[in-house]
C-alpha atoms as a PDB file:
ATOM      1  CA  MET A   1       0.000   0.000   0.000  1.00  0.00           C
ATOM      2  CA  LYS A   2       1.163   3.526  -0.818  1.00  0.00           C
ATOM      3  CA  ILE A   3       0.526   6.284   1.720  1.00  0.00           C
ATOM      4  CA  ALA A   4       1.239   9.961   1.055  1.00  0.00           C
ATOM      5  CA  ILE A   5       1.941  12.187   4.059  1.00  0.00           C
ATOM      6  CA  ILE A   6       1.374  15.887   3.412  1.00  0.00           C
ATOM      7  CA  SER A   7       1.733  18.860   5.749  1.00  0.00           C
ATOM      8  CA  ASP A   8       1.739  22.646   5.992  1.00  0.00           C
ATOM      9  CA  ILE A   9      -0.423  23.571   3.033  1.00  0.00           C
ATOM     10  CA  HIS A  10      -0.920  27.096   4.380  1.00  0.00           C
ATOM     11  CA  ALA A  11      -3.782  27.869   1.986  1.00  0.00           C
ATOM     12  CA  ASN A  12      -1.522  27.578  -1.084  1.00  0.00           C
ATOM     13  CA  LEU A  13      -3.962  26.211  -3.645  1.00  0.00           C
ATOM     14  CA  GLU A  14      -1.610  25.830  -6.618  1.00  0.00           C
ATOM     15  CA  ALA A  15       0.889  23.890  -4.503  1.00  0.00           C
ATOM     16  CA  LEU A  16      -1.826  21.638  -3.097  1.00  0.00           C
ATOM     17  CA  LYS A  17      -3.356  20.924  -6.512  1.00  0.00           C
ATOM     18  CA  ALA A  18       0.057  20.057  -7.967  1.00  0.00           C
ATOM     19  CA  THR A  19       0.777  17.763  -5.019  1.00  0.00           C
ATOM     20  CA  LEU A  20      -2.559  15.956  -5.270  1.00  0.00           C
ATOM     21  CA  GLU A  21      -2.057  15.511  -9.016  1.00  0.00           C
ATOM     22  CA  ASP A  22       1.379  13.981  -8.448  1.00  0.00           C
ATOM     23  CA  ILE A  23      -0.058  11.699  -5.758  1.00  0.00           C
ATOM     24  CA  LYS A  24      -2.789  10.589  -8.182  1.00  0.00           C
ATOM     25  CA  LYS A  25      -0.216   9.759 -10.883  1.00  0.00           C
ATOM     26  CA  ARG A  26       1.624   7.523  -8.416  1.00  0.00           C
ATOM     27  CA  ASN A  27      -1.552   5.495  -7.666  1.00  0.00           C
ATOM     28  CA  VAL A  28      -1.408   6.263  -3.961  1.00  0.00           C
ATOM     29  CA  ASP A  29      -3.935   4.430  -1.779  1.00  0.00           C
ATOM     30  CA  LYS A  30      -4.212   6.800   1.192  1.00  0.00           C
ATOM     31  CA  ILE A  31      -3.382  10.436   1.923  1.00  0.00           C
ATOM     32  CA  PHE A  32      -2.752  11.618   5.483  1.00  0.00           C
ATOM     33  CA  CYS A  33      -2.486  15.338   6.287  1.00  0.00           C
ATOM     34  CA  ILE A  34      -0.591  16.296   9.432  1.00  0.00           C
ATOM     35  CA  GLY A  35      -1.729  19.871   9.874  1.00  0.00           C
ATOM     36  CA  ASP A  36      -1.554  23.573   9.067  1.00  0.00           C
ATOM     37  CA  ILE A  37      -4.083  23.688   6.273  1.00  0.00           C
ATOM     38  CA  ILE A  38      -4.686  27.411   6.811  1.00  0.00           C
ATOM     39  CA  ALA A  39      -2.896  30.760   7.371  1.00  0.00           C
ATOM     40  CA  LYS A  40      -0.398  32.655   5.210  1.00  0.00           C
ATOM     41  CA  GLY A  41      -2.012  31.955   1.817  1.00  0.00           C
ATOM     42  CA  TYR A  42      -5.279  33.265   0.389  1.00  0.00           C
ATOM     43  CA  HIS A  43      -7.162  30.123  -0.658  1.00  0.00           C
ATOM     44  CA  THR A  44      -8.417  28.961   2.719  1.00  0.00           C
ATOM     45  CA  HIS A  45     -11.809  27.577   1.684  1.00  0.00           C
ATOM     46  CA  GLU A  46     -10.552  25.729  -1.379  1.00  0.00           C
ATOM     47  CA  CYS A  47      -7.687  24.075   0.497  1.00  0.00           C
ATOM     48  CA  ILE A  48      -9.874  22.980   3.398  1.00  0.00           C
ATOM     49  CA  GLU A  49     -12.325  21.432   0.934  1.00  0.00           C
ATOM     50  CA  LEU A  50      -9.616  19.597  -1.006  1.00  0.00           C
ATOM     51  CA  ILE A  51      -8.094  18.225   2.198  1.00  0.00           C
ATOM     52  CA  LYS A  52     -11.482  17.070   3.470  1.00  0.00           C
ATOM     53  CA  ASN A  53     -12.282  15.358   0.165  1.00  0.00           C
ATOM     54  CA  ASN A  54      -8.910  13.669  -0.379  1.00  0.00           C
ATOM     55  CA  CYS A  55      -7.405  12.828   3.018  1.00  0.00           C
ATOM     56  CA  GLU A  56      -8.349   9.816   5.101  1.00  0.00           C
ATOM     57  CA  VAL A  57      -6.546  11.151   8.180  1.00  0.00           C
ATOM     58  CA  ILE A  58      -6.308  14.873   9.010  1.00  0.00           C
ATOM     59  CA  LEU A  59      -4.426  16.120  12.068  1.00  0.00           C
ATOM     60  CA  GLN A  60      -4.486  19.548  13.676  1.00  0.00           C
ATOM     61  CA  GLY A  61      -1.553  21.904  13.230  1.00  0.00           C
ATOM     62  CA  ASN A  62      -0.720  24.894  15.379  1.00  0.00           C
ATOM     63  CA  CYS A  63      -2.194  27.326  12.830  1.00  0.00           C
ATOM     64  CA  ASP A  64      -5.400  25.278  12.569  1.00  0.00           C
ATOM     65  CA  ARG A  65      -5.735  25.562  16.337  1.00  0.00           C
ATOM     66  CA  HIS A  66      -4.452  29.095  16.872  1.00  0.00           C
ATOM     67  CA  PHE A  67      -6.646  30.891  14.348  1.00  0.00           C
ATOM     68  CA  THR A  68      -9.819  29.085  15.376  1.00  0.00           C
ATOM     69  CA  GLU A  69      -9.524  29.390  19.155  1.00  0.00           C
ATOM     70  CA  ASP A  70     -11.008  32.128  21.296  1.00  0.00           C
ATOM     71  CA  VAL A  71      -8.929  35.305  21.550  1.00  0.00           C
ATOM     72  CA  HIS A  72      -8.711  34.808  25.319  1.00  0.00           C
ATOM     73  CA  ASP A  73      -7.113  31.372  24.947  1.00  0.00           C
ATOM     74  CA  PHE A  74      -3.727  32.474  23.626  1.00  0.00           C
ATOM     75  CA  LYS A  75      -1.047  34.914  24.672  1.00  0.00           C
ATOM     76  CA  ILE A  76      -1.084  38.092  22.598  1.00  0.00           C
ATOM     77  CA  LYS A  77       2.322  39.677  22.155  1.00  0.00           C
ATOM     78  CA  THR A  78       1.840  42.631  19.800  1.00  0.00           C
ATOM     79  CA  ASP A  79      -0.832  44.706  18.074  1.00  0.00           C
ATOM     80  CA  LYS A  80       0.373  43.219  14.780  1.00  0.00           C
ATOM     81  CA  GLU A  81      -0.282  39.709  16.084  1.00  0.00           C
ATOM     82  CA  ILE A  82      -3.795  40.706  17.166  1.00  0.00           C
ATOM     83  CA  ARG A  83      -4.503  42.120  13.702  1.00  0.00           C
ATOM     84  CA  ARG A  84      -3.131  39.006  11.995  1.00  0.00           C
ATOM     85  CA  TRP A  85      -5.332  36.781  14.180  1.00  0.00           C
ATOM     86  CA  ASN A  86      -8.393  38.883  13.359  1.00  0.00           C
ATOM     87  CA  GLU A  87      -7.703  39.110   9.619  1.00  0.00           C
ATOM     88  CA  ILE A  88      -7.043  35.396   9.159  1.00  0.00           C
ATOM     89  CA  GLY A  89     -10.033  34.560  11.346  1.00  0.00           C
ATOM     90  CA  LYS A  90     -12.265  36.502   8.951  1.00  0.00           C
ATOM     91  CA  THR A  91     -11.318  34.150   6.096  1.00  0.00           C
ATOM     92  CA  ILE A  92     -12.654  31.059   7.899  1.00  0.00           C
ATOM     93  CA  THR A  93     -16.346  30.235   8.150  1.00  0.00           C
ATOM     94  CA  GLU A  94     -17.873  29.036  11.403  1.00  0.00           C
ATOM     95  CA  SER A  95     -18.337  25.521  10.000  1.00  0.00           C
ATOM     96  CA  GLU A  96     -14.678  25.473   8.901  1.00  0.00           C
ATOM     97  CA  LYS A  97     -13.587  26.637  12.345  1.00  0.00           C
ATOM     98  CA  ASP A  98     -15.625  23.853  13.913  1.00  0.00           C
ATOM     99  CA  PHE A  99     -13.995  21.308  11.582  1.00  0.00           C
ATOM    100  CA  LEU A 100     -10.467  22.558  12.371  1.00  0.00           C
ATOM    101  CA  ARG A 101     -11.077  22.692  16.140  1.00  0.00           C
ATOM    102  CA  LYS A 102     -12.133  19.039  16.230  1.00  0.00           C
ATOM    103  CA  LEU A 103      -9.137  17.633  14.349  1.00  0.00           C
ATOM    104  CA  PRO A 104      -7.106  15.040  16.312  1.00  0.00           C
ATOM    105  CA  PHE A 105      -3.594  15.686  17.594  1.00  0.00           C
ATOM    106  CA  SER A 106      -1.850  12.465  16.572  1.00  0.00           C
ATOM    107  CA  TYR A 107      -2.259   9.254  14.570  1.00  0.00           C
ATOM    108  CA  GLU A 108      -0.304   6.009  14.330  1.00  0.00           C
ATOM    109  CA  PHE A 109      -0.285   2.763  12.381  1.00  0.00           C
ATOM    110  CA  TYR A 110       1.932  -0.217  11.576  1.00  0.00           C
ATOM    111  CA  LEU A 111       3.600  -0.583   8.199  1.00  0.00           C
ATOM    112  CA  SER A 112       5.724  -3.663   7.415  1.00  0.00           C
ATOM    113  CA  GLY A 113       6.566  -4.142  11.096  1.00  0.00           C
ATOM    114  CA  SER A 114       7.280  -0.514  12.030  1.00  0.00           C
ATOM    115  CA  LEU A 115       5.106   1.543  14.355  1.00  0.00           C
ATOM    116  CA  ILE A 116       4.696   4.884  12.589  1.00  0.00           C
ATOM    117  CA  ARG A 117       3.503   7.890  14.577  1.00  0.00           C
ATOM    118  CA  LEU A 118       2.311  11.133  13.006  1.00  0.00           C
ATOM    119  CA  PHE A 119       1.865  14.529  14.612  1.00  0.00           C
ATOM    120  CA  HIS A 120       2.347  18.120  13.553  1.00  0.00           C
ATOM    121  CA  ALA A 121       5.380  19.181  15.574  1.00  0.00           C
ATOM    122  CA  ASN A 122       6.036  17.225  18.771  1.00  0.00           C
ATOM    123  CA  PRO A 123       4.410  14.347  20.714  1.00  0.00           C
ATOM    124  CA  GLU A 124       3.321  16.795  23.425  1.00  0.00           C
ATOM    125  CA  ARG A 125       2.660  20.120  21.668  1.00  0.00           C
ATOM    126  CA  ASP A 126       1.852  21.365  18.180  1.00  0.00           C
ATOM    127  CA  ASN A 127       4.332  24.243  18.111  1.00  0.00           C
ATOM    128  CA  ILE A 128       7.663  23.010  19.500  1.00  0.00           C
ATOM    129  CA  THR A 129      10.368  23.104  16.849  1.00  0.00           C
ATOM    130  CA  ILE A 130      12.770  20.192  16.409  1.00  0.00           C
ATOM    131  CA  ILE A 131      15.234  20.765  13.590  1.00  0.00           C
ATOM    132  CA  ASN A 132      17.878  18.532  12.085  1.00  0.00           C
ATOM    133  CA  GLU A 133      20.629  20.247  14.087  1.00  0.00           C
ATOM    134  CA  ASP A 134      19.042  19.381  17.448  1.00  0.00           C
ATOM    135  CA  SER A 135      20.777  17.017  19.845  1.00  0.00           C
ATOM    136  CA  ILE A 136      20.374  13.257  19.658  1.00  0.00           C
ATOM    137  CA  GLU A 137      18.563  13.319  22.999  1.00  0.00           C
ATOM    138  CA  ASP A 138      16.044  15.901  21.748  1.00  0.00           C
ATOM    139  CA  LYS A 139      15.464  13.810  18.644  1.00  0.00           C
ATOM    140  CA  TYR A 140      15.009  10.653  20.716  1.00  0.00           C
ATOM    141  CA  LYS A 141      12.208  12.346  22.674  1.00  0.00           C
ATOM    142  CA  MET A 142      10.284  12.666  19.417  1.00  0.00           C
ATOM    143  CA  PHE A 143       9.741   8.889  19.468  1.00  0.00           C
ATOM    144  CA  LEU A 144       8.379   8.774  23.008  1.00  0.00           C
ATOM    145  CA  PRO A 145       4.630   8.693  23.685  1.00  0.00           C
ATOM    146  CA  SER A 146       2.644  11.321  25.544  1.00  0.00           C
ATOM    147  CA  GLU A 147      -0.880  11.627  26.911  1.00  0.00           C
ATOM    148  CA  LYS A 148      -1.854  12.958  23.468  1.00  0.00           C
ATOM    149  CA  THR A 149      -0.582  10.001  21.391  1.00  0.00           C
ATOM    150  CA  MET A 150      -2.781   7.078  20.379  1.00  0.00           C
ATOM    151  CA  SER A 151      -0.674   4.522  22.259  1.00  0.00           C
ATOM    152  CA  GLN A 152       2.013   4.521  24.923  1.00  0.00           C
ATOM    153  CA  GLU A 153       4.468   2.604  22.748  1.00  0.00           C
ATOM    154  CA  VAL A 154       7.805   4.014  21.610  1.00  0.00           C
ATOM    155  CA  ALA A 155       7.526   4.681  17.875  1.00  0.00           C
ATOM    156  CA  ASP A 156       9.896   3.235  15.275  1.00  0.00           C
ATOM    157  CA  ILE A 157       9.249   5.929  12.672  1.00  0.00           C
ATOM    158  CA  VAL A 158       8.060   9.454  13.428  1.00  0.00           C
ATOM    159  CA  ILE A 159       6.809  11.789  10.707  1.00  0.00           C
ATOM    160  CA  TYR A 160       6.131  15.424  11.493  1.00  0.00           C
ATOM    161  CA  GLY A 161       5.794  18.823   9.796  1.00  0.00           C
ATOM    162  CA  HIS A 162       5.822  22.341  11.241  1.00  0.00           C
ATOM    163  CA  ILE A 163       9.389  23.412  10.351  1.00  0.00           C
ATOM    164  CA  HIS A 164       8.818  23.321   6.530  1.00  0.00           C
ATOM    165  CA  HIS A 165      12.315  21.808   6.160  1.00  0.00           C
ATOM    166  CA  GLN A 166      12.284  18.358   4.550  1.00  0.00           C
ATOM    167  CA  TYR A 167      14.799  15.831   5.891  1.00  0.00           C
ATOM    168  CA  MET A 168      15.281  12.304   7.240  1.00  0.00           C
ATOM    169  CA  ASP A 169      17.562  11.087  10.016  1.00  0.00           C
ATOM    170  CA  LYS A 170      18.341   7.759  11.753  1.00  0.00           C
ATOM    171  CA  ILE A 171      19.043   7.266  15.465  1.00  0.00           C
ATOM    172  CA  TYR A 172      18.815   4.179  17.696  1.00  0.00           C
ATOM    173  CA  ASN A 173      17.358   2.035  14.876  1.00  0.00           C
ATOM    174  CA  LYS A 174      14.614   4.634  14.484  1.00  0.00           C
ATOM    175  CA  THR A 175      13.755   7.013  11.635  1.00  0.00           C
ATOM    176  CA  LEU A 176      12.818  10.671  12.039  1.00  0.00           C
ATOM    177  CA  ILE A 177      11.231  12.313   9.002  1.00  0.00           C
ATOM    178  CA  ASN A 178      10.029  15.802   8.262  1.00  0.00           C
ATOM    179  CA  THR A 179       7.694  15.928   5.282  1.00  0.00           C
ATOM    180  CA  GLY A 180       8.616  19.469   4.386  1.00  0.00           C
ATOM    181  CA  SER A 181       5.790  21.811   3.428  1.00  0.00           C
ATOM    182  CA  VAL A 182       3.374  21.560   0.530  1.00  0.00           C
ATOM    183  CA  GLY A 183       2.699  25.281   0.360  1.00  0.00           C
ATOM    184  CA  ASN A 184       5.577  27.016   2.133  1.00  0.00           C
ATOM    185  CA  SER A 185       8.825  25.060   1.840  1.00  0.00           C
ATOM    186  CA  PHE A 186      12.056  26.343   3.420  1.00  0.00           C
ATOM    187  CA  CYS A 187      15.704  25.535   3.654  1.00  0.00           C
ATOM    188  CA  LEU A 188      16.773  26.691   7.106  1.00  0.00           C
ATOM    189  CA  ILE A 189      20.518  26.700   6.409  1.00  0.00           C
ATOM    190  CA  ARG A 190      21.216  29.389   3.825  1.00  0.00           C
ATOM    191  CA  ASN A 191      24.238  31.233   2.482  1.00  0.00           C
ATOM    192  CA  ASP A 192      24.227  33.488  -0.586  1.00  0.00           C
ATOM    193  CA  GLU A 193      27.564  32.150  -1.838  1.00  0.00           C
ATOM    194  CA  LYS A 194      26.873  28.474  -1.168  1.00  0.00           C
ATOM    195  CA  ASP A 195      23.180  28.112  -2.073  1.00  0.00           C
ATOM    196  CA  SER A 196      22.114  26.001  -5.050  1.00  0.00           C
ATOM    197  CA  ASP A 197      19.330  27.132  -7.398  1.00  0.00           C
ATOM    198  CA  ILE A 198      16.238  28.286  -5.510  1.00  0.00           C
ATOM    199  CA  ASN A 199      14.168  25.650  -7.351  1.00  0.00           C
ATOM    200  CA  GLU A 200      15.964  22.979  -5.342  1.00  0.00           C
ATOM    201  CA  VAL A 201      13.746  24.140  -2.450  1.00  0.00           C
ATOM    202  CA  ARG A 202      10.921  26.269  -3.875  1.00  0.00           C
ATOM    203  CA  GLN A 203       8.601  23.374  -4.641  1.00  0.00           C
ATOM    204  CA  ALA A 204       5.827  21.509  -2.861  1.00  0.00           C
ATOM    205  CA  ASN A 205       7.234  18.805  -0.565  1.00  0.00           C
ATOM    206  CA  TYR A 206       5.671  15.603   0.731  1.00  0.00           C
ATOM    207  CA  CYS A 207       6.565  12.097   1.882  1.00  0.00           C
ATOM    208  CA  LEU A 208       5.515   8.789   0.334  1.00  0.00           C
ATOM    209  CA  LEU A 209       5.521   5.488   2.218  1.00  0.00           C
ATOM    210  CA  GLU A 210       5.044   2.027   0.735  1.00  0.00           C
ATOM    211  CA  GLY A 211       4.642  -1.191   2.689  1.00  0.00           C
ATOM    212  CA  ASP A 212       2.296  -3.744   4.221  1.00  0.00           C
ATOM    213  CA  TYR A 213      -0.298  -1.516   5.911  1.00  0.00           C
ATOM    214  CA  GLY A 214      -1.385  -2.694   9.346  1.00  0.00           C
ATOM    215  CA  SER A 215       1.225  -5.454   9.567  1.00  0.00           C
ATOM    216  CA  LYS A 216       3.354  -5.817  12.724  1.00  0.00           C
ATOM    217  CA  GLU A 217       5.597  -8.331  10.962  1.00  0.00           C
ATOM    218  CA  TYR A 218       8.836  -7.475   9.166  1.00  0.00           C
ATOM    219  CA  ASP A 219       7.945  -9.756   6.252  1.00  0.00           C
ATOM    220  CA  ASN A 220       7.604  -7.155   3.494  1.00  0.00           C
ATOM    221  CA  PRO A 221       9.671  -4.188   2.268  1.00  0.00           C
ATOM    222  CA  LEU A 222       9.083  -0.666   3.549  1.00  0.00           C
ATOM    223  CA  SER A 223      10.153   2.270   1.394  1.00  0.00           C
ATOM    224  CA  ILE A 224      10.289   5.980   2.122  1.00  0.00           C
ATOM    225  CA  GLN A 225      10.463   8.707  -0.514  1.00  0.00           C
ATOM    226  CA  LEU A 226      10.868  12.453   0.024  1.00  0.00           C
ATOM    227  CA  ILE A 227       9.246  14.087  -2.987  1.00  0.00           C
ATOM    228  CA  ARG A 228       9.233  17.608  -4.391  1.00  0.00           C
ATOM    229  CA  VAL A 229       6.695  18.852  -6.926  1.00  0.00           C
ATOM    230  CA  PRO A 230       6.968  22.051  -8.999  1.00  0.00           C
ATOM    231  CA  TYR A 231       3.993  24.420  -9.026  1.00  0.00           C
ATOM    232  CA  ASN A 232       3.158  27.851 -10.424  1.00  0.00           C
ATOM    233  CA  VAL A 233       4.224  30.305  -7.710  1.00  0.00           C
ATOM    234  CA  GLU A 234       3.253  33.399  -9.714  1.00  0.00           C
ATOM    235  CA  LYS A 235      -0.236  32.053 -10.409  1.00  0.00           C
ATOM    236  CA  GLU A 236      -0.739  31.416  -6.703  1.00  0.00           C
ATOM    237  CA  LEU A 237       0.167  35.028  -5.935  1.00  0.00           C
ATOM    238  CA  ALA A 238      -1.973  36.560  -8.692  1.00  0.00           C
ATOM    239  CA  GLY A 239      -5.294  38.188  -7.866  1.00  0.00           C
ATOM    240  CA  ASP A 240      -6.587  39.787  -4.697  1.00  0.00           C
ATOM    241  CA  THR A 241      -4.467  41.599  -2.164  1.00  0.00           C
ATOM    242  CA  TYR A 242      -4.903  40.405   1.398  1.00  0.00           C
ATOM    243  CA  TYR A 243      -3.346  40.976   4.807  1.00  0.00           C
ATOM    244  CA  GLU A 244      -0.329  38.611   4.636  1.00  0.00           C
ATOM    245  CA  LYS A 245       0.239  38.573   0.905  1.00  0.00           C
ATOM    246  CA  GLU A 246       3.531  40.513   0.908  1.00  0.00           C
ATOM    247  CA  GLU A 247       5.101  38.337   3.609  1.00  0.00           C
ATOM    248  CA  PHE A 248       3.824  35.103   2.058  1.00  0.00           C
ATOM    249  CA  ALA A 249       5.045  36.150  -1.396  1.00  0.00           C
ATOM    250  CA  TYR A 250       8.510  36.767   0.050  1.00  0.00           C
ATOM    251  CA  GLU A 251       8.557  33.326   1.654  1.00  0.00           C
ATOM    252  CA  ILE A 252       7.390  31.225  -1.273  1.00  0.00           C
ATOM    253  CA  LYS A 253       9.461  33.117  -3.859  1.00  0.00           C
ATOM    254  CA  ASN A 254      12.649  32.859  -1.815  1.00  0.00           C
ATOM    255  CA  ALA A 255      11.995  29.553   0.007  1.00  0.00           C
ATOM    256  CA  THR A 256      12.882  31.141   3.307  1.00  0.00           C
ATOM    257  CA  TYR A 257      11.230  32.396   6.464  1.00  0.00           C
ATOM    258  CA  ARG A 258      10.078  36.014   6.727  1.00  0.00           C
ATOM    259  CA  ASN A 259      11.841  36.404  10.095  1.00  0.00           C
ATOM    260  CA  MET A 260      15.244  34.770   9.839  1.00  0.00           C
ATOM    261  CA  GLU A 261      16.304  36.405  13.115  1.00  0.00           C
ATOM    262  CA  LYS A 262      13.948  33.992  14.852  1.00  0.00           C
ATOM    263  CA  ILE A 263      15.637  31.063  13.080  1.00  0.00           C
ATOM    264  CA  LYS A 264      19.075  32.367  14.074  1.00  0.00           C
ATOM    265  CA  LYS A 265      17.980  32.452  17.718  1.00  0.00           C
ATOM    266  CA  ASN A 266      17.028  28.776  17.467  1.00  0.00           C
ATOM    267  CA  PHE A 267      20.501  27.983  16.145  1.00  0.00           C
ATOM    268  CA  GLU A 268      22.075  30.038  18.913  1.00  0.00           C
ATOM    269  CA  ARG A 269      20.109  27.950  21.404  1.00  0.00           C
ATOM    270  CA  LEU A 270      21.943  24.951  19.972  1.00  0.00           C
ATOM    271  CA  GLY A 271      25.317  26.675  20.131  1.00  0.00           C
ATOM    272  CA  ILE A 272      25.511  27.059  16.341  1.00  0.00           C
ATOM    273  CA  ASP A 273      26.861  30.247  14.788  1.00  0.00           C
ATOM    274  CA  SER A 274      24.455  30.763  11.880  1.00  0.00           C
ATOM    275  CA  ASP A 275      26.648  33.525  10.387  1.00  0.00           C
ATOM    276  CA  LYS A 276      29.231  30.851   9.482  1.00  0.00           C
ATOM    277  CA  PHE A 277      26.945  28.811   7.247  1.00  0.00           C
END
């Protein structure tokens, strides 16, 4: 069975359509979405509808939660953040908010012997960032269960989103995978002199698994593919002006985060001098 894992659509319709078309061409059996359908892009309604109609499993991302919760339930830092919350909230209908609020936190299944656990960012929270430069101990914690996971077993394979940075790593006979982002892909480690062509990153990213679905036995192969799909960035940005359009355009054109100072602080937390990349 082939299972596509997609994440972080961020209301980018052209990226999502291109991804679903590629998935269709590969005769995929199931599509699982691990969160952040909304925010940043303009096509909220269309992306929610496509996800609902095509995905067998849909998990809640931090943006799905944040922009549908009550204003009193989160910590407001700045006037700009308040305005962003209000403007994005206006683009979501009450029925869509209800759908997003009720999405589950985590999902897991067996595939060719491996216990695979999915969540948006972390087994305990939907907005904790683990990047591929984190310590082995921090990465190991990603495999541990929490009160929010479906079981209390230690996972063999963990697949998450949130950081928009596609990669795969192996520790302790376990596999840690980030799907990358369908609608807002990044490369976190950048240097103007060392970077390859921007199209190496500026595409829709997803993960494809193939194996014996539901089997706890190691009798059949298990394969993992990290896939990138080109889409029409300019077409996605054409049309109406909206609150976040300038920031989102910067991100998807340059395959980078709008606030790289925040990323640098994360590297500093790890003792990494980001200026030396």
